[in-house]
Amino acid sequence: MRVADGARLVVGYRGAGVGRALMREVERAARDDLRLNHLHLELRGGMGLERFYESCGWCEIGSWPEALCLDGNELRDEVLMHLPLR
C-alpha cells in the first residue's frame, strides 16, 4: 500500500516540530487505524533526511546506489527505511 508520495515540509516550518508531529500521527494512524505492523519509506540520499527519520525511530535497511538521477546528471542513492509498529 502506497500512502504518500513526495511528501515534503515547507522550508519555513523546519525546526518547529511540525515534521516530527506529522510523523507521530502517521505512525499512530498506521498502527491504530490501519492495523499495520510496519512501514517502509524511500528517500533521496545525501540530503540529511536519514538523521531526521532515525530520530523518529526509523531504521535504514538498505539503499539502491545511484538509483536517482537529478538535474540530468547528478546521481543519488535511494535510501530504504523501516519503522516497526508492533
PDB file of N, CA and C in Angstrom:
ATOM      1  N   MET A   1       0.849  -1.172   0.000  1.00  0.00           N
ATOM      2  CA  MET A   1       0.000   0.000   0.000  1.00  0.00           C
ATOM      3  C   MET A   1       0.893   1.232   0.000  1.00  0.00           C
ATOM      4  N   ARG A   2       0.713   2.113  -0.959  1.00  0.00           N
ATOM      5  CA  ARG A   2       1.471   3.364  -1.008  1.00  0.00           C
ATOM      6  C   ARG A   2       0.546   4.466  -0.512  1.00  0.00           C
ATOM      7  N   VAL A   3       0.902   5.069   0.626  1.00  0.00           N
ATOM      8  CA  VAL A   3       0.038   6.065   1.250  1.00  0.00           C
ATOM      9  C   VAL A   3       0.390   7.466   0.789  1.00  0.00           C
ATOM     10  N   ALA A   4       1.658   7.795   0.770  1.00  0.00           N
ATOM     11  CA  ALA A   4       2.080   9.143   0.400  1.00  0.00           C
ATOM     12  C   ALA A   4       3.198   9.048  -0.616  1.00  0.00           C
ATOM     13  N   ASP A   5       3.251   9.999  -1.494  1.00  0.00           N
ATOM     14  CA  ASP A   5       4.307  10.040  -2.485  1.00  0.00           C
ATOM     15  C   ASP A   5       4.766  11.477  -2.626  1.00  0.00           C
ATOM     16  N   GLY A   6       5.998  11.732  -2.285  1.00  0.00           N
ATOM     17  CA  GLY A   6       6.538  13.071  -2.448  1.00  0.00           C
ATOM     18  C   GLY A   6       6.163  14.053  -1.360  1.00  0.00           C
ATOM     19  N   ALA A   7       5.948  13.590  -0.143  1.00  0.00           N
ATOM     20  CA  ALA A   7       5.602  14.496   0.950  1.00  0.00           C
ATOM     21  C   ALA A   7       6.838  15.295   1.363  1.00  0.00           C
ATOM     22  N   ARG A   8       6.652  16.598   1.542  1.00  0.00           N
ATOM     23  CA  ARG A   8       7.743  17.476   1.977  1.00  0.00           C
ATOM     24  C   ARG A   8       7.188  18.521   2.930  1.00  0.00           C
ATOM     25  N   LEU A   9       8.053  18.983   3.804  1.00  0.00           N
ATOM     26  CA  LEU A   9       7.678  20.032   4.737  1.00  0.00           C
ATOM     27  C   LEU A   9       8.117  21.384   4.176  1.00  0.00           C
ATOM     28  N   VAL A  10       7.266  22.369   4.258  1.00  0.00           N
ATOM     29  CA  VAL A  10       7.595  23.716   3.791  1.00  0.00           C
ATOM     30  C   VAL A  10       8.797  24.228   4.590  1.00  0.00           C
ATOM     31  N   VAL A  11       9.775  24.773   3.866  1.00  0.00           N
ATOM     32  CA  VAL A  11      11.040  25.199   4.477  1.00  0.00           C
ATOM     33  C   VAL A  11      10.830  26.094   5.695  1.00  0.00           C
ATOM     34  N   GLY A  12       9.871  26.988   5.657  1.00  0.00           N
ATOM     35  CA  GLY A  12       9.639  27.910   6.762  1.00  0.00           C
ATOM     36  C   GLY A  12       9.257  27.242   8.070  1.00  0.00           C
ATOM     37  N   TYR A  13       8.815  26.002   8.017  1.00  0.00           N
ATOM     38  CA  TYR A  13       8.401  25.284   9.227  1.00  0.00           C
ATOM     39  C   TYR A  13       9.453  24.308   9.736  1.00  0.00           C
ATOM     40  N   ARG A  14      10.577  24.200   9.060  1.00  0.00           N
ATOM     41  CA  ARG A  14      11.625  23.280   9.509  1.00  0.00           C
ATOM     42  C   ARG A  14      12.158  23.720  10.856  1.00  0.00           C
ATOM     43  N   GLY A  15      12.343  22.732  11.743  1.00  0.00           N
ATOM     44  CA  GLY A  15      12.866  23.017  13.080  1.00  0.00           C
ATOM     45  C   GLY A  15      11.797  23.400  14.081  1.00  0.00           C
ATOM     46  N   ALA A  16      10.543  23.494  13.655  1.00  0.00           N
ATOM     47  CA  ALA A  16       9.458  23.904  14.551  1.00  0.00           C
ATOM     48  C   ALA A  16       8.719  22.708  15.151  1.00  0.00           C
ATOM     49  N   GLY A  17       9.133  21.484  14.811  1.00  0.00           N
ATOM     50  CA  GLY A  17       8.479  20.296  15.355  1.00  0.00           C
ATOM     51  C   GLY A  17       7.298  19.803  14.541  1.00  0.00           C
ATOM     52  N   VAL A  18       7.012  20.467  13.432  1.00  0.00           N
ATOM     53  CA  VAL A  18       5.867  20.080  12.603  1.00  0.00           C
ATOM     54  C   VAL A  18       6.108  18.717  11.970  1.00  0.00           C
ATOM     55  N   GLY A  19       7.279  18.494  11.415  1.00  0.00           N
ATOM     56  CA  GLY A  19       7.600  17.223  10.780  1.00  0.00           C
ATOM     57  C   GLY A  19       7.519  16.063  11.758  1.00  0.00           C
ATOM     58  N   ARG A  20       8.050  16.274  12.949  1.00  0.00           N
ATOM     59  CA  ARG A  20       8.014  15.228  13.977  1.00  0.00           C
ATOM     60  C   ARG A  20       6.570  14.927  14.387  1.00  0.00           C
ATOM     61  N   ALA A  21       5.755  15.962  14.521  1.00  0.00           N
ATOM     62  CA  ALA A  21       4.338  15.760  14.867  1.00  0.00           C
ATOM     63  C   ALA A  21       3.613  15.001  13.751  1.00  0.00           C
ATOM     64  N   LEU A  22       3.905  15.339  12.508  1.00  0.00           N
ATOM     65  CA  LEU A  22       3.306  14.626  11.388  1.00  0.00           C
ATOM     66  C   LEU A  22       3.716  13.159  11.392  1.00  0.00           C
ATOM     67  N   MET A  23       4.981  12.885  11.670  1.00  0.00           N
ATOM     68  CA  MET A  23       5.459  11.502  11.694  1.00  0.00           C
ATOM     69  C   MET A  23       4.818  10.713  12.838  1.00  0.00           C
ATOM     70  N   ARG A  24       4.611  11.351  13.983  1.00  0.00           N
ATOM     71  CA  ARG A  24       3.915  10.666  15.091  1.00  0.00           C
ATOM     72  C   ARG A  24       2.490  10.300  14.683  1.00  0.00           C
ATOM     73  N   GLU A  25       1.818  11.198  13.972  1.00  0.00           N
ATOM     74  CA  GLU A  25       0.446  10.920  13.549  1.00  0.00           C
ATOM     75  C   GLU A  25       0.416   9.833  12.470  1.00  0.00           C
ATOM     76  N   VAL A  26       1.364   9.846  11.554  1.00  0.00           N
ATOM     77  CA  VAL A  26       1.453   8.781  10.547  1.00  0.00           C
ATOM     78  C   VAL A  26       1.633   7.441  11.243  1.00  0.00           C
ATOM     79  N   GLU A  27       2.537   7.386  12.213  1.00  0.00           N
ATOM     80  CA  GLU A  27       2.781   6.152  12.955  1.00  0.00           C
ATOM     81  C   GLU A  27       1.515   5.695  13.684  1.00  0.00           C
ATOM     82  N   ARG A  28       0.838   6.619  14.365  1.00  0.00           N
ATOM     83  CA  ARG A  28      -0.376   6.282  15.102  1.00  0.00           C
ATOM     84  C   ARG A  28      -1.468   5.760  14.171  1.00  0.00           C
ATOM     85  N   ALA A  29      -1.700   6.470  13.077  1.00  0.00           N
ATOM     86  CA  ALA A  29      -2.757   6.071  12.142  1.00  0.00           C
ATOM     87  C   ALA A  29      -2.446   4.717  11.508  1.00  0.00           C
ATOM     88  N   ALA A  30      -1.190   4.500  11.146  1.00  0.00           N
ATOM     89  CA  ALA A  30      -0.817   3.220  10.536  1.00  0.00           C
ATOM     90  C   ALA A  30      -1.011   2.071  11.521  1.00  0.00           C
ATOM     91  N   ARG A  31      -0.625   2.291  12.772  1.00  0.00           N
ATOM     92  CA  ARG A  31      -0.730   1.241  13.793  1.00  0.00           C
ATOM     93  C   ARG A  31      -2.172   1.037  14.252  1.00  0.00           C
ATOM     94  N   ASP A  32      -2.840   2.113  14.629  1.00  0.00           N
ATOM     95  CA  ASP A  32      -4.149   2.006  15.266  1.00  0.00           C
ATOM     96  C   ASP A  32      -5.321   1.943  14.275  1.00  0.00           C
ATOM     97  N   ASP A  33      -5.298   2.780  13.264  1.00  0.00           N
ATOM     98  CA  ASP A  33      -6.415   2.834  12.319  1.00  0.00           C
ATOM     99  C   ASP A  33      -6.300   1.774  11.222  1.00  0.00           C
ATOM    100  N   LEU A  34      -5.105   1.650  10.650  1.00  0.00           N
ATOM    101  CA  LEU A  34      -4.907   0.711   9.558  1.00  0.00           C
ATOM    102  C   LEU A  34      -4.430  -0.662  10.029  1.00  0.00           C
ATOM    103  N   ARG A  35      -4.040  -0.744  11.299  1.00  0.00           N
ATOM    104  CA  ARG A  35      -3.570  -2.003  11.904  1.00  0.00           C
ATOM    105  C   ARG A  35      -2.391  -2.627  11.152  1.00  0.00           C
ATOM    106  N   LEU A  36      -1.470  -1.767  10.709  1.00  0.00           N
ATOM    107  CA  LEU A  36      -0.264  -2.242  10.032  1.00  0.00           C
ATOM    108  C   LEU A  36       0.783  -2.640  11.063  1.00  0.00           C
ATOM    109  N   ASN A  37       1.660  -3.536  10.683  1.00  0.00           N
ATOM    110  CA  ASN A  37       2.729  -3.986  11.574  1.00  0.00           C
ATOM    111  C   ASN A  37       4.020  -3.218  11.377  1.00  0.00           C
ATOM    112  N   HIS A  38       4.195  -2.608  10.222  1.00  0.00           N
ATOM    113  CA  HIS A  38       5.406  -1.833   9.949  1.00  0.00           C
ATOM    114  C   HIS A  38       5.168  -0.902   8.763  1.00  0.00           C
ATOM    115  N   LEU A  39       6.063   0.057   8.623  1.00  0.00           N
ATOM    116  CA  LEU A  39       6.038   0.985   7.490  1.00  0.00           C
ATOM    117  C   LEU A  39       7.405   0.977   6.826  1.00  0.00           C
ATOM    118  N   HIS A  40       7.421   1.238   5.538  1.00  0.00           N
ATOM    119  CA  HIS A  40       8.662   1.415   4.787  1.00  0.00           C
ATOM    120  C   HIS A  40       8.591   2.758   4.079  1.00  0.00           C
ATOM    121  N   LEU A  41       9.744   3.373   3.896  1.00  0.00           N
ATOM    122  CA  LEU A  41       9.804   4.571   3.064  1.00  0.00           C
ATOM    123  C   LEU A  41      11.107   4.579   2.295  1.00  0.00           C
ATOM    124  N   GLU A  42      11.100   5.338   1.229  1.00  0.00           N
ATOM    125  CA  GLU A  42      12.275   5.534   0.394  1.00  0.00           C
ATOM    126  C   GLU A  42      12.563   7.024   0.375  1.00  0.00           C
ATOM    127  N   LEU A  43      13.843   7.381   0.480  1.00  0.00           N
ATOM    128  CA  LEU A  43      14.195   8.797   0.450  1.00  0.00           C
ATOM    129  C   LEU A  43      15.457   9.023  -0.355  1.00  0.00           C
ATOM    130  N   ARG A  44      15.648  10.252  -0.751  1.00  0.00           N
ATOM    131  CA  ARG A  44      16.816  10.645  -1.523  1.00  0.00           C
ATOM    132  C   ARG A  44      18.011  10.783  -0.588  1.00  0.00           C
ATOM    133  N   GLY A  45      19.065  10.028  -0.846  1.00  0.00           N
ATOM    134  CA  GLY A  45      20.270  10.102  -0.025  1.00  0.00           C
ATOM    135  C   GLY A  45      21.001  11.422  -0.216  1.00  0.00           C
ATOM    136  N   GLY A  46      21.848  11.748   0.742  1.00  0.00           N
ATOM    137  CA  GLY A  46      22.681  12.937   0.643  1.00  0.00           C
ATOM    138  C   GLY A  46      21.987  14.225   1.018  1.00  0.00           C
ATOM    139  N   MET A  47      20.804  14.143   1.613  1.00  0.00           N
ATOM    140  CA  MET A  47      20.048  15.342   1.977  1.00  0.00           C
ATOM    141  C   MET A  47      19.953  15.528   3.498  1.00  0.00           C
ATOM    142  N   GLY A  48      20.508  14.591   4.268  1.00  0.00           N
ATOM    143  CA  GLY A  48      20.410  14.657   5.724  1.00  0.00           C
ATOM    144  C   GLY A  48      19.091  14.140   6.266  1.00  0.00           C
ATOM    145  N   LEU A  49      18.261  13.580   5.408  1.00  0.00           N
ATOM    146  CA  LEU A  49      16.948  13.103   5.841  1.00  0.00           C
ATOM    147  C   LEU A  49      17.049  11.860   6.721  1.00  0.00           C
ATOM    148  N   GLU A  50      18.097  11.061   6.512  1.00  0.00           N
ATOM    149  CA  GLU A  50      18.263   9.847   7.296  1.00  0.00           C
ATOM    150  C   GLU A  50      18.276  10.160   8.790  1.00  0.00           C
ATOM    151  N   ARG A  51      18.981  11.203   9.175  1.00  0.00           N
ATOM    152  CA  ARG A  51      19.076  11.583  10.600  1.00  0.00           C
ATOM    153  C   ARG A  51      17.708  11.925  11.174  1.00  0.00           C
ATOM    154  N   PHE A  52      16.903  12.659  10.410  1.00  0.00           N
ATOM    155  CA  PHE A  52      15.566  13.010  10.895  1.00  0.00           C
ATOM    156  C   PHE A  52      14.737  11.759  11.135  1.00  0.00           C
ATOM    157  N   TYR A  53      14.671  10.880  10.126  1.00  0.00           N
ATOM    158  CA  TYR A  53      13.846   9.678  10.268  1.00  0.00           C
ATOM    159  C   TYR A  53      14.377   8.762  11.369  1.00  0.00           C
ATOM    160  N   GLU A  54      15.687   8.624  11.494  1.00  0.00           N
ATOM    161  CA  GLU A  54      16.248   7.816  12.579  1.00  0.00           C
ATOM    162  C   GLU A  54      15.854   8.390  13.939  1.00  0.00           C
ATOM    163  N   SER A  55      15.794   9.712  14.057  1.00  0.00           N
ATOM    164  CA  SER A  55      15.392  10.325  15.326  1.00  0.00           C
ATOM    165  C   SER A  55      13.909  10.086  15.623  1.00  0.00           C
ATOM    166  N   CYS A  56      13.151   9.692  14.597  1.00  0.00           N
ATOM    167  CA  CYS A  56      11.731   9.353  14.762  1.00  0.00           C
ATOM    168  C   CYS A  56      11.527   7.845  14.923  1.00  0.00           C
ATOM    169  N   GLY A  57      12.618   7.081  15.029  1.00  0.00           N
ATOM    170  CA  GLY A  57      12.523   5.649  15.267  1.00  0.00           C
ATOM    171  C   GLY A  57      12.692   4.762  14.049  1.00  0.00           C
ATOM    172  N   TRP A  58      12.882   5.353  12.869  1.00  0.00           N
ATOM    173  CA  TRP A  58      13.066   4.575  11.645  1.00  0.00           C
ATOM    174  C   TRP A  58      14.487   4.032  11.595  1.00  0.00           C
ATOM    175  N   CYS A  59      14.681   2.892  10.917  1.00  0.00           N
ATOM    176  CA  CYS A  59      15.995   2.270  10.739  1.00  0.00           C
ATOM    177  C   CYS A  59      16.290   2.152   9.245  1.00  0.00           C
ATOM    178  N   GLU A  60      17.513   2.490   8.873  1.00  0.00           N
ATOM    179  CA  GLU A  60      17.923   2.295   7.482  1.00  0.00           C
ATOM    180  C   GLU A  60      18.130   0.801   7.251  1.00  0.00           C
ATOM    181  N   ILE A  61      17.523   0.270   6.197  1.00  0.00           N
ATOM    182  CA  ILE A  61      17.631  -1.164   5.922  1.00  0.00           C
ATOM    183  C   ILE A  61      18.331  -1.454   4.602  1.00  0.00           C
ATOM    184  N   GLY A  62      18.755  -0.421   3.913  1.00  0.00           N
ATOM    185  CA  GLY A  62      19.475  -0.630   2.662  1.00  0.00           C
ATOM    186  C   GLY A  62      19.393   0.586   1.767  1.00  0.00           C
ATOM    187  N   SER A  63      19.968   0.446   0.596  1.00  0.00           N
ATOM    188  CA  SER A  63      19.900   1.535  -0.380  1.00  0.00           C
ATOM    189  C   SER A  63      20.103   0.968  -1.776  1.00  0.00           C
ATOM    190  N   TRP A  64      19.658   1.749  -2.732  1.00  0.00           N
ATOM    191  CA  TRP A  64      19.910   1.451  -4.121  1.00  0.00           C
ATOM    192  C   TRP A  64      20.901   2.513  -4.603  1.00  0.00           C
ATOM    193  N   PRO A  65      22.177   2.137  -4.757  1.00  0.00           N
ATOM    194  CA  PRO A  65      23.199   3.119  -5.140  1.00  0.00           C
ATOM    195  C   PRO A  65      22.889   3.776  -6.487  1.00  0.00           C
ATOM    196  N   GLU A  66      23.025   5.090  -6.486  1.00  0.00           N
ATOM    197  CA  GLU A  66      22.870   5.898  -7.705  1.00  0.00           C
ATOM    198  C   GLU A  66      21.568   5.592  -8.452  1.00  0.00           C
ATOM    199  N   ALA A  67      20.508   5.319  -7.715  1.00  0.00           N
ATOM    200  CA  ALA A  67      19.220   4.977  -8.318  1.00  0.00           C
ATOM    201  C   ALA A  67      18.452   6.200  -8.800  1.00  0.00           C
ATOM    202  N   LEU A  68      18.800   7.367  -8.283  1.00  0.00           N
ATOM    203  CA  LEU A  68      18.073   8.582  -8.635  1.00  0.00           C
ATOM    204  C   LEU A  68      18.966   9.502  -9.458  1.00  0.00           C
ATOM    205  N   CYS A  69      18.446   9.974 -10.559  1.00  0.00           N
ATOM    206  CA  CYS A  69      19.182  10.905 -11.413  1.00  0.00           C
ATOM    207  C   CYS A  69      18.485  12.264 -11.341  1.00  0.00           C
ATOM    208  N   LEU A  70      19.203  13.250 -10.825  1.00  0.00           N
ATOM    209  CA  LEU A  70      18.642  14.583 -10.645  1.00  0.00           C
ATOM    210  C   LEU A  70      19.303  15.566 -11.609  1.00  0.00           C
ATOM    211  N   ASP A  71      18.565  16.503 -12.062  1.00  0.00           N
ATOM    212  CA  ASP A  71      19.087  17.568 -12.938  1.00  0.00           C
ATOM    213  C   ASP A  71      19.902  17.020 -14.103  1.00  0.00           C
ATOM    214  N   GLY A  72      19.491  15.890 -14.619  1.00  0.00           N
ATOM    215  CA  GLY A  72      20.133  15.351 -15.806  1.00  0.00           C
ATOM    216  C   GLY A  72      21.361  14.501 -15.582  1.00  0.00           C
ATOM    217  N   ASN A  73      22.189  14.808 -14.543  1.00  0.00           N
ATOM    218  CA  ASN A  73      23.400  14.018 -14.383  1.00  0.00           C
ATOM    219  C   ASN A  73      23.830  13.797 -12.928  1.00  0.00           C
ATOM    220  N   GLU A  74      23.159  14.380 -11.965  1.00  0.00           N
ATOM    221  CA  GLU A  74      23.520  14.182 -10.560  1.00  0.00           C
ATOM    222  C   GLU A  74      22.859  12.898 -10.061  1.00  0.00           C
ATOM    223  N   LEU A  75      23.689  11.942  -9.633  1.00  0.00           N
ATOM    224  CA  LEU A  75      23.181  10.661  -9.164  1.00  0.00           C
ATOM    225  C   LEU A  75      23.155  10.630  -7.642  1.00  0.00           C
ATOM    226  N   ARG A  76      22.066  10.142  -7.080  1.00  0.00           N
ATOM    227  CA  ARG A  76      21.912   9.996  -5.631  1.00  0.00           C
ATOM    228  C   ARG A  76      21.424   8.595  -5.315  1.00  0.00           C
ATOM    229  N   ASP A  77      21.820   8.112  -4.132  1.00  0.00           N
ATOM    230  CA  ASP A  77      21.301   6.835  -3.653  1.00  0.00           C
ATOM    231  C   ASP A  77      19.846   6.999  -3.239  1.00  0.00           C
ATOM    232  N   GLU A  78      19.077   5.936  -3.383  1.00  0.00           N
ATOM    233  CA  GLU A  78      17.733   5.888  -2.819  1.00  0.00           C
ATOM    234  C   GLU A  78      17.847   5.040  -1.558  1.00  0.00           C
ATOM    235  N   VAL A  79      17.567   5.648  -0.419  1.00  0.00           N
ATOM    236  CA  VAL A  79      17.736   5.006   0.882  1.00  0.00           C
ATOM    237  C   VAL A  79      16.408   4.395   1.314  1.00  0.00           C
ATOM    238  N   LEU A  80      16.450   3.151   1.786  1.00  0.00           N
ATOM    239  CA  LEU A  80      15.268   2.428   2.225  1.00  0.00           C
ATOM    240  C   LEU A  80      15.240   2.402   3.747  1.00  0.00           C
ATOM    241  N   MET A  81      14.084   2.765   4.323  1.00  0.00           N
ATOM    242  CA  MET A  81      13.958   2.809   5.777  1.00  0.00           C
ATOM    243  C   MET A  81      12.725   2.047   6.219  1.00  0.00           C
ATOM    244  N   HIS A  82      12.765   1.611   7.474  1.00  0.00           N
ATOM    245  CA  HIS A  82      11.727   0.740   8.050  1.00  0.00           C
ATOM    246  C   HIS A  82      11.363   1.235   9.441  1.00  0.00           C
ATOM    247  N   LEU A  83      10.074   1.169   9.765  1.00  0.00           N
ATOM    248  CA  LEU A  83       9.599   1.512  11.110  1.00  0.00           C
ATOM    249  C   LEU A  83       8.700   0.394  11.597  1.00  0.00           C
ATOM    250  N   PRO A  84       9.153  -0.390  12.602  1.00  0.00           N
ATOM    251  CA  PRO A  84       8.261  -1.399  13.185  1.00  0.00           C
ATOM    252  C   PRO A  84       7.180  -0.717  14.034  1.00  0.00           C
ATOM    253  N   LEU A  85       5.959  -1.174  13.918  1.00  0.00           N
ATOM    254  CA  LEU A  85       4.855  -0.571  14.653  1.00  0.00           C
ATOM    255  C   LEU A  85       4.359  -1.435  15.808  1.00  0.00           C
ATOM    256  N   ARG A  86       4.750  -2.680  15.853  1.00  0.00           N
ATOM    257  CA  ARG A  86       4.292  -3.603  16.908  1.00  0.00           C
ATOM    258  C   ARG A  86       5.468  -4.334  17.499  1.00  0.00           C
TER     259      ARG A  86
END
